[in-house]
C-alpha atoms as a PDB file:
ATOM      1  CA  MET A   1     -27.703 -28.892   0.733  1.00  0.00           C
ATOM      2  CA  LYS A   2     -25.698 -32.115   0.711  1.00  0.00           C
ATOM      3  CA  ASN A   3     -23.202 -30.529  -1.645  1.00  0.00           C
ATOM      4  CA  ALA A   4     -22.764 -27.388   0.453  1.00  0.00           C
ATOM      5  CA  PRO A   5     -19.525 -28.504   2.187  1.00  0.00           C
ATOM      6  CA  GLY A   6     -18.036 -29.528  -1.131  1.00  0.00           C
ATOM      7  CA  ARG A   7     -19.000 -26.227  -2.657  1.00  0.00           C
ATOM      8  CA  ARG A   8     -17.409 -24.400   0.249  1.00  0.00           C
ATOM      9  CA  ASN A   9     -14.226 -26.422  -0.201  1.00  0.00           C
ATOM     10  CA  ASN A  10     -14.186 -25.704  -3.933  1.00  0.00           C
ATOM     11  CA  CYS A  11     -14.707 -22.022  -3.208  1.00  0.00           C
ATOM     12  CA  ALA A  12     -11.875 -22.032  -0.681  1.00  0.00           C
ATOM     13  CA  ARG A  13      -9.529 -23.800  -3.085  1.00  0.00           C
ATOM     14  CA  GLU A  14     -10.343 -21.383  -5.888  1.00  0.00           C
ATOM     15  CA  LEU A  15     -10.255 -18.215  -3.809  1.00  0.00           C
ATOM     16  CA  GLY A  16      -7.148 -19.117  -1.847  1.00  0.00           C
ATOM     17  CA  PRO A  17      -4.634 -18.477  -4.630  1.00  0.00           C
ATOM     18  CA  ARG A  18      -6.472 -15.292  -5.649  1.00  0.00           C
ATOM     19  CA  ALA A  19      -6.385 -13.915  -2.123  1.00  0.00           C
ATOM     20  CA  ARG A  20      -2.685 -14.706  -1.924  1.00  0.00           C
ATOM     21  CA  GLY A  21      -1.970 -13.494  -5.448  1.00  0.00           C
ATOM     22  CA  GLY A  22       1.085 -11.283  -5.367  1.00  0.00           C
ATOM     23  CA  GLY A  23       1.462 -11.906  -1.660  1.00  0.00           C
ATOM     24  CA  ILE A  24       4.961 -13.369  -1.935  1.00  0.00           C
ATOM     25  CA  GLY A  25       7.304 -10.418  -1.949  1.00  0.00           C
ATOM     26  CA  ALA A  26       4.471  -7.869  -1.870  1.00  0.00           C
ATOM     27  CA  GLY A  27       5.250  -6.862   1.707  1.00  0.00           C
ATOM     28  CA  ALA A  28       8.931  -6.333   0.912  1.00  0.00           C
ATOM     29  CA  LEU A  29       8.116  -4.383  -2.254  1.00  0.00           C
ATOM     30  CA  ARG A  30       5.654  -2.192  -0.367  1.00  0.00           C
ATOM     31  CA  ARG A  31       8.336  -1.352   2.209  1.00  0.00           C
ATOM     32  CA  VAL A  32      10.748  -0.437  -0.575  1.00  0.00           C
ATOM     33  CA  PHE A  33       8.100   1.812  -2.125  1.00  0.00           C
ATOM     34  CA  VAL A  34       7.412   3.536   1.208  1.00  0.00           C
ATOM     35  CA  VAL A  35      11.140   4.218   1.600  1.00  0.00           C
ATOM     36  CA  ALA A  36      11.219   5.706  -1.911  1.00  0.00           C
ATOM     37  CA  GLN A  37       8.169   7.869  -1.163  1.00  0.00           C
ATOM     38  CA  VAL A  38       9.734   9.152   2.064  1.00  0.00           C
ATOM     39  CA  ALA A  39      12.987   9.906   0.226  1.00  0.00           C
ATOM     40  CA  LEU A  40      11.116  11.894  -2.444  1.00  0.00           C
ATOM     41  CA  ALA A  41       9.200  13.871   0.177  1.00  0.00           C
ATOM     42  CA  LEU A  42      12.420  14.615   2.081  1.00  0.00           C
ATOM     43  CA  LEU A  43      14.079  15.812  -1.124  1.00  0.00           C
ATOM     44  CA  LEU A  44      11.201  18.090  -2.110  1.00  0.00           C
ATOM     45  CA  ASN A  45      11.011  19.440   1.433  1.00  0.00           C
ATOM     46  CA  LYS A  46      14.495  20.898   1.055  1.00  0.00           C
ATOM     47  CA  PRO A  47      14.922  24.512  -0.152  1.00  0.00           C
ATOM     48  CA  ILE A  48      16.185  23.529  -3.601  1.00  0.00           C
ATOM     49  CA  ARG A  49      15.872  25.524  -6.823  1.00  0.00           C
ATOM     50  CA  PHE A  50      12.673  25.094  -8.817  1.00  0.00           C
ATOM     51  CA  ARG A  51      11.131  23.171  -5.934  1.00  0.00           C
ATOM     52  CA  GLY A  52       7.628  24.280  -6.882  1.00  0.00           C
ATOM     53  CA  ILE A  53       8.075  22.975 -10.433  1.00  0.00           C
ATOM     54  CA  TYR A  54       9.356  19.627  -9.187  1.00  0.00           C
ATOM     55  CA  ARG A  55       6.417  19.325  -6.801  1.00  0.00           C
ATOM     56  CA  ALA A  56       3.976  20.019  -9.624  1.00  0.00           C
ATOM     57  CA  LEU A  57       5.663  17.503 -11.949  1.00  0.00           C
ATOM     58  CA  ALA A  58       5.556  14.859  -9.230  1.00  0.00           C
ATOM     59  CA  LEU A  59       1.754  15.050  -9.231  1.00  0.00           C
ATOM     60  CA  ILE A  60       1.351  14.213 -12.940  1.00  0.00           C
ATOM     61  CA  PRO A  61       0.776  10.442 -12.439  1.00  0.00           C
ATOM     62  CA  TRP A  62      -2.031  11.218  -9.969  1.00  0.00           C
ATOM     63  CA  VAL A  63      -4.047  13.221 -12.513  1.00  0.00           C
ATOM     64  CA  MET A  64      -3.304  10.971 -15.496  1.00  0.00           C
ATOM     65  CA  PRO A  65      -6.295   8.753 -16.434  1.00  0.00           C
ATOM     66  CA  VAL A  66      -5.812   5.170 -15.256  1.00  0.00           C
ATOM     67  CA  VAL A  67      -6.722   3.639 -18.619  1.00  0.00           C
ATOM     68  CA  ALA A  68      -4.314   5.881 -20.517  1.00  0.00           C
ATOM     69  CA  ALA A  69      -1.565   5.153 -18.008  1.00  0.00           C
ATOM     70  CA  GLY A  70      -2.195   1.416 -18.298  1.00  0.00           C
ATOM     71  CA  VAL A  71      -1.924   1.521 -22.086  1.00  0.00           C
ATOM     72  CA  VAL A  72       1.326   3.493 -21.909  1.00  0.00           C
ATOM     73  CA  TRP A  73       2.839   1.125 -19.356  1.00  0.00           C
ATOM     74  CA  ARG A  74       1.781  -1.883 -21.397  1.00  0.00           C
ATOM     75  CA  TRP A  75       3.680  -0.414 -24.329  1.00  0.00           C
ATOM     76  CA  ILE A  76       6.727   0.245 -22.125  1.00  0.00           C
ATOM     77  CA  PHE A  77       6.764  -3.366 -20.865  1.00  0.00           C
ATOM     78  CA  ASP A  78       5.926  -4.941 -24.226  1.00  0.00           C
ATOM     79  CA  GLY A  79       8.103  -7.957 -24.988  1.00  0.00           C
ATOM     80  CA  GLY A  80       8.423  -7.206 -28.689  1.00  0.00           C
ATOM     81  CA  TYR A  81       8.822  -3.447 -29.103  1.00  0.00           C
ATOM     82  CA  GLY A  82       8.727  -2.089 -25.548  1.00  0.00           C
ATOM     83  CA  VAL A  83      10.983   0.837 -24.751  1.00  0.00           C
ATOM     84  CA  LEU A  84      12.170  -0.771 -21.496  1.00  0.00           C
ATOM     85  CA  ASN A  85      13.427  -3.844 -23.331  1.00  0.00           C
ATOM     86  CA  TYR A  86      15.121  -1.636 -25.902  1.00  0.00           C
ATOM     87  CA  ILE A  87      16.965   0.384 -23.253  1.00  0.00           C
ATOM     88  CA  LEU A  88      18.033  -2.666 -21.233  1.00  0.00           C
ATOM     89  CA  TYR A  89      19.202  -4.448 -24.372  1.00  0.00           C
ATOM     90  CA  ARG A  90      21.178  -1.465 -25.644  1.00  0.00           C
ATOM     91  CA  LEU A  91      22.846  -1.050 -22.255  1.00  0.00           C
ATOM     92  CA  GLY A  92      23.804  -4.716 -22.194  1.00  0.00           C
ATOM     93  CA  PHE A  93      21.737  -5.708 -19.157  1.00  0.00           C
ATOM     94  CA  ILE A  94      19.822  -8.382 -21.100  1.00  0.00           C
ATOM     95  CA  ASP A  95      20.767 -10.645 -24.006  1.00  0.00           C
ATOM     96  CA  GLN A  96      17.215 -11.014 -25.321  1.00  0.00           C
ATOM     97  CA  TYR A  97      13.935  -9.219 -24.838  1.00  0.00           C
ATOM     98  CA  VAL A  98      11.939 -10.073 -21.715  1.00  0.00           C
ATOM     99  CA  ILE A  99       8.159 -10.499 -21.803  1.00  0.00           C
ATOM    100  CA  PHE A 100       7.612  -8.696 -18.510  1.00  0.00           C
ATOM    101  CA  LEU A 101       3.831  -9.089 -18.410  1.00  0.00           C
ATOM    102  CA  ALA A 102       3.818 -12.777 -19.344  1.00  0.00           C
ATOM    103  CA  GLU A 103       6.663 -14.236 -17.276  1.00  0.00           C
ATOM    104  CA  LYS A 104       5.831 -15.176 -13.706  1.00  0.00           C
ATOM    105  CA  ALA A 105       9.160 -13.906 -12.414  1.00  0.00           C
ATOM    106  CA  TRP A 106       8.474 -10.390 -13.721  1.00  0.00           C
ATOM    107  CA  VAL A 107       4.734  -9.835 -13.906  1.00  0.00           C
ATOM    108  CA  TRP A 108       4.061  -9.001 -10.246  1.00  0.00           C
ATOM    109  CA  PRO A 109       7.117  -6.737  -9.854  1.00  0.00           C
ATOM    110  CA  SER A 110       5.993  -4.933 -13.018  1.00  0.00           C
ATOM    111  CA  ILE A 111       2.471  -4.469 -11.658  1.00  0.00           C
ATOM    112  CA  PHE A 112       3.774  -3.190  -8.326  1.00  0.00           C
ATOM    113  CA  VAL A 113       6.079  -0.713 -10.062  1.00  0.00           C
ATOM    114  CA  ILE A 114       3.093   0.665 -11.967  1.00  0.00           C
ATOM    115  CA  ALA A 115       1.008   0.765  -8.783  1.00  0.00           C
ATOM    116  CA  TRP A 116       3.768   2.694  -7.035  1.00  0.00           C
ATOM    117  CA  TRP A 117       4.101   5.100  -9.963  1.00  0.00           C
ATOM    118  CA  LYS A 118       0.372   5.779  -9.892  1.00  0.00           C
ATOM    119  CA  GLY A 119       0.135   6.097  -6.119  1.00  0.00           C
ATOM    120  CA  TYR A 120       3.353   7.846  -5.160  1.00  0.00           C
ATOM    121  CA  PRO A 121       2.072  11.436  -5.803  1.00  0.00           C
ATOM    122  CA  PHE A 122      -0.608  11.056  -3.131  1.00  0.00           C
ATOM    123  CA  ALA A 123       1.830   9.325  -0.796  1.00  0.00           C
ATOM    124  CA  TYR A 124       4.530  11.922  -1.304  1.00  0.00           C
ATOM    125  CA  ALA A 125       2.033  14.762  -0.739  1.00  0.00           C
ATOM    126  CA  VAL A 126       0.800  13.185   2.516  1.00  0.00           C
ATOM    127  CA  ILE A 127       4.342  12.548   3.756  1.00  0.00           C
ATOM    128  CA  LEU A 128       5.389  16.064   2.737  1.00  0.00           C
ATOM    129  CA  ALA A 129       2.483  17.510   4.728  1.00  0.00           C
ATOM    130  CA  GLY A 130       3.551  15.389   7.701  1.00  0.00           C
ATOM    131  CA  LEU A 131       7.116  16.693   7.427  1.00  0.00           C
ATOM    132  CA  GLN A 132       5.991  20.308   7.344  1.00  0.00           C
ATOM    133  CA  VAL A 133       3.998  20.070  10.589  1.00  0.00           C
ATOM    134  CA  ILE A 134       6.995  18.769  12.568  1.00  0.00           C
ATOM    135  CA  PRO A 135       8.068  21.704  14.778  1.00  0.00           C
ATOM    136  CA  ARG A 136      11.404  23.222  13.827  1.00  0.00           C
ATOM    137  CA  GLU A 137      12.214  23.540  17.529  1.00  0.00           C
ATOM    138  CA  VAL A 138      12.498  19.750  17.782  1.00  0.00           C
ATOM    139  CA  TYR A 139      15.274  19.699  15.192  1.00  0.00           C
ATOM    140  CA  GLU A 140      16.988  22.676  16.819  1.00  0.00           C
ATOM    141  CA  ALA A 141      17.011  20.856  20.146  1.00  0.00           C
ATOM    142  CA  GLY A 142      18.566  17.861  18.421  1.00  0.00           C
ATOM    143  CA  GLU A 143      21.250  20.065  16.858  1.00  0.00           C
ATOM    144  CA  ILE A 144      22.115  21.419  20.292  1.00  0.00           C
ATOM    145  CA  ASP A 145      22.562  17.821  21.478  1.00  0.00           C
ATOM    146  CA  GLY A 146      24.914  17.205  18.550  1.00  0.00           C
ATOM    147  CA  THR A 147      22.745  14.873  16.465  1.00  0.00           C
ATOM    148  CA  SER A 148      23.789  14.117  12.900  1.00  0.00           C
ATOM    149  CA  PRO A 149      21.307  14.376   9.998  1.00  0.00           C
ATOM    150  CA  LEU A 150      20.922  10.585   9.951  1.00  0.00           C
ATOM    151  CA  THR A 151      20.379  10.413  13.715  1.00  0.00           C
ATOM    152  CA  SER A 152      17.914  13.293  13.491  1.00  0.00           C
ATOM    153  CA  PHE A 153      15.935  11.467  10.824  1.00  0.00           C
ATOM    154  CA  TRP A 154      15.949   8.163  12.699  1.00  0.00           C
ATOM    155  CA  HIS A 155      15.071   9.517  16.151  1.00  0.00           C
ATOM    156  CA  ILE A 156      12.991  12.601  15.313  1.00  0.00           C
ATOM    157  CA  THR A 157      11.535  12.557  11.808  1.00  0.00           C
ATOM    158  CA  LEU A 158      10.666   8.883  11.502  1.00  0.00           C
ATOM    159  CA  PRO A 159       8.914   8.513  14.901  1.00  0.00           C
ATOM    160  CA  LEU A 160       6.824  11.627  14.233  1.00  0.00           C
ATOM    161  CA  LEU A 161       5.970  10.364  10.747  1.00  0.00           C
ATOM    162  CA  ARG A 162       5.059   6.860  11.906  1.00  0.00           C
ATOM    163  CA  PRO A 163       1.291   7.584  12.349  1.00  0.00           C
ATOM    164  CA  VAL A 164       1.180   9.122   8.863  1.00  0.00           C
ATOM    165  CA  LEU A 165       3.033   6.168   7.337  1.00  0.00           C
ATOM    166  CA  PHE A 166       0.766   3.683   9.112  1.00  0.00           C
ATOM    167  CA  VAL A 167      -2.386   5.274   7.693  1.00  0.00           C
ATOM    168  CA  LEU A 168      -0.738   5.619   4.291  1.00  0.00           C
ATOM    169  CA  VAL A 169       0.181   1.931   4.096  1.00  0.00           C
ATOM    170  CA  LEU A 170      -3.375   1.000   5.112  1.00  0.00           C
ATOM    171  CA  LEU A 171      -4.890   3.175   2.386  1.00  0.00           C
ATOM    172  CA  GLU A 172      -2.478   1.869  -0.246  1.00  0.00           C
ATOM    173  CA  THR A 173      -3.293  -1.703   0.773  1.00  0.00           C
ATOM    174  CA  ILE A 174      -7.016  -1.039   0.336  1.00  0.00           C
ATOM    175  CA  TRP A 175      -6.533   0.670  -3.019  1.00  0.00           C
ATOM    176  CA  THR A 176      -4.211  -2.051  -4.290  1.00  0.00           C
ATOM    177  CA  ALA A 177      -6.642  -4.797  -3.282  1.00  0.00           C
ATOM    178  CA  ASN A 178      -9.473  -2.982  -5.057  1.00  0.00           C
ATOM    179  CA  ASP A 179      -7.474  -2.258  -8.201  1.00  0.00           C
ATOM    180  CA  PHE A 180      -9.179  -3.606 -11.291  1.00  0.00           C
ATOM    181  CA  THR A 181      -8.282  -1.344 -14.189  1.00  0.00           C
ATOM    182  CA  SER A 182      -4.493  -1.666 -14.036  1.00  0.00           C
ATOM    183  CA  ILE A 183      -4.424  -5.454 -13.771  1.00  0.00           C
ATOM    184  CA  TRP A 184      -7.107  -5.943 -16.407  1.00  0.00           C
ATOM    185  CA  ILE A 185      -5.471  -3.654 -18.956  1.00  0.00           C
ATOM    186  CA  LEU A 186      -1.999  -5.084 -18.360  1.00  0.00           C
ATOM    187  CA  THR A 187      -2.585  -8.833 -18.003  1.00  0.00           C
ATOM    188  CA  GLN A 188      -6.331  -9.617 -17.781  1.00  0.00           C
ATOM    189  CA  GLY A 189      -5.409 -11.935 -14.913  1.00  0.00           C
ATOM    190  CA  GLY A 190      -2.651 -13.787 -16.767  1.00  0.00           C
ATOM    191  CA  PRO A 191      -0.223 -15.245 -17.465  1.00  0.00           C
ATOM    192  CA  PRO A 192      -2.047 -18.592 -17.340  1.00  0.00           C
ATOM    193  CA  PRO A 193      -3.370 -20.024 -15.210  1.00  0.00           C
ATOM    194  CA  ASP A 194      -4.752 -16.734 -13.859  1.00  0.00           C
ATOM    195  CA  TYR A 195      -1.474 -15.836 -12.136  1.00  0.00           C
ATOM    196  CA  THR A 196      -2.471 -12.205 -11.501  1.00  0.00           C
ATOM    197  CA  MET A 197      -6.206 -12.800 -11.118  1.00  0.00           C
ATOM    198  CA  THR A 198      -6.870 -11.059  -7.813  1.00  0.00           C
ATOM    199  CA  LEU A 199     -10.326 -10.914  -6.244  1.00  0.00           C
ATOM    200  CA  THR A 200     -11.528  -7.727  -7.932  1.00  0.00           C
ATOM    201  CA  PRO A 201     -10.875  -8.861 -11.536  1.00  0.00           C
ATOM    202  CA  LEU A 202     -12.183 -12.298 -10.564  1.00  0.00           C
ATOM    203  CA  VAL A 203     -15.553 -10.774  -9.624  1.00  0.00           C
ATOM    204  CA  TYR A 204     -15.801  -9.148 -13.049  1.00  0.00           C
ATOM    205  CA  GLN A 205     -14.688 -12.250 -14.944  1.00  0.00           C
ATOM    206  CA  THR A 206     -16.970 -14.587 -13.007  1.00  0.00           C
ATOM    207  CA  TYR A 207     -20.006 -12.374 -13.564  1.00  0.00           C
ATOM    208  CA  SER A 208     -19.513 -11.077 -17.111  1.00  0.00           C
ATOM    209  CA  ARG A 209     -17.711 -13.948 -18.831  1.00  0.00           C
ATOM    210  CA  PHE A 210     -18.949 -17.026 -16.985  1.00  0.00           C
ATOM    211  CA  ASP A 211     -22.394 -15.690 -15.984  1.00  0.00           C
ATOM    212  CA  ARG A 212     -22.045 -17.066 -12.440  1.00  0.00           C
ATOM    213  CA  THR A 213     -23.860 -14.284 -10.632  1.00  0.00           C
ATOM    214  CA  GLY A 214     -24.121 -15.992  -7.253  1.00  0.00           C
ATOM    215  CA  TYR A 215     -20.463 -16.959  -7.150  1.00  0.00           C
ATOM    216  CA  ALA A 216     -19.405 -13.456  -8.210  1.00  0.00           C
ATOM    217  CA  ALA A 217     -21.587 -11.961  -5.478  1.00  0.00           C
ATOM    218  CA  ALA A 218     -20.016 -14.289  -2.901  1.00  0.00           C
ATOM    219  CA  ILE A 219     -16.515 -13.213  -3.940  1.00  0.00           C
ATOM    220  CA  ALA A 220     -17.557  -9.556  -3.750  1.00  0.00           C
ATOM    221  CA  VAL A 221     -18.888 -10.072  -0.221  1.00  0.00           C
ATOM    222  CA  ILE A 222     -15.625 -11.733   0.832  1.00  0.00           C
ATOM    223  CA  LEU A 223     -13.665  -8.838  -0.645  1.00  0.00           C
ATOM    224  CA  MET A 224     -15.922  -6.359   1.144  1.00  0.00           C
ATOM    225  CA  LEU A 225     -15.352  -8.114   4.487  1.00  0.00           C
ATOM    226  CA  ILE A 226     -11.589  -8.030   3.982  1.00  0.00           C
ATOM    227  CA  MET A 227     -11.737  -4.322   3.186  1.00  0.00           C
ATOM    228  CA  MET A 228     -13.932  -3.714   6.230  1.00  0.00           C
ATOM    229  CA  VAL A 229     -11.179  -5.097   8.458  1.00  0.00           C
ATOM    230  CA  PHE A 230      -8.680  -2.600   7.051  1.00  0.00           C
ATOM    231  CA  THR A 231     -11.272   0.181   7.240  1.00  0.00           C
ATOM    232  CA  VAL A 232     -11.933  -0.477  10.937  1.00  0.00           C
ATOM    233  CA  ILE A 233      -8.193  -0.402  11.622  1.00  0.00           C
ATOM    234  CA  TYR A 234      -7.917   2.863   9.704  1.00  0.00           C
ATOM    235  CA  VAL A 235     -10.839   4.530  11.516  1.00  0.00           C
ATOM    236  CA  ARG A 236      -9.536   3.476  14.926  1.00  0.00           C
ATOM    237  CA  ARG A 237      -6.100   4.807  14.115  1.00  0.00           C
ATOM    238  CA  VAL A 238      -7.472   8.156  12.946  1.00  0.00           C
ATOM    239  CA  ARG A 239      -9.608   8.468  16.075  1.00  0.00           C
ATOM    240  CA  ALA A 240      -6.628   7.639  18.268  1.00  0.00           C
ATOM    241  CA  ASP A 241      -4.556  10.331  16.561  1.00  0.00           C
ATOM    242  CA  THR A 242      -7.267  12.978  16.978  1.00  0.00           C
ATOM    243  CA  THR A 243      -7.915  12.348  20.687  1.00  0.00           C
END
């Protein structure tokens, strides 16, 4: 028991960087992704040709197995023979190949791009459903008042979509925090020292590789408590929207 405070301090020091892993810039990247998802939903909500085909194609990442997708993306980002490096090099954007999944400046943006690619079909479908329940009469009233398309989006569409976007960001935050497969296939927590080792992969590594069952259980409990906070916020928001 005398060592309990020290153990708690060690735990805090070790968990702190994991809990903050990817935190710098993650909020900004998430906002960019939400904007892209809204733009896609707005585009596919327009009466364009082959709209049904485009909507079906947009759902492909959602049904693709996570492991298969991770392997494909690892090949795309590969620093030796990756197709992304080849394209950027041929176009003259880079002078030498970039090891996207091993350089600290690129690894988290790469992971977030993959997370967006995997999650955008669900997000676009939810946003599209939200767009389709907005009454047409609201837009017609705005047209009578002389609103432009941009003003109509900013003062009509976006406010009515805000509850949907709030719930969507909450769900994506929970899913991203719980993501194990993508990070483990792509980086296994690297580059050293454990730069992308978030809490979920850390639980697996601590239990299976280091055989520290108690410590792994403690991390899992901490992760569960964090997720419970987001879950409570989500449930309260849904109840508020339905009352």
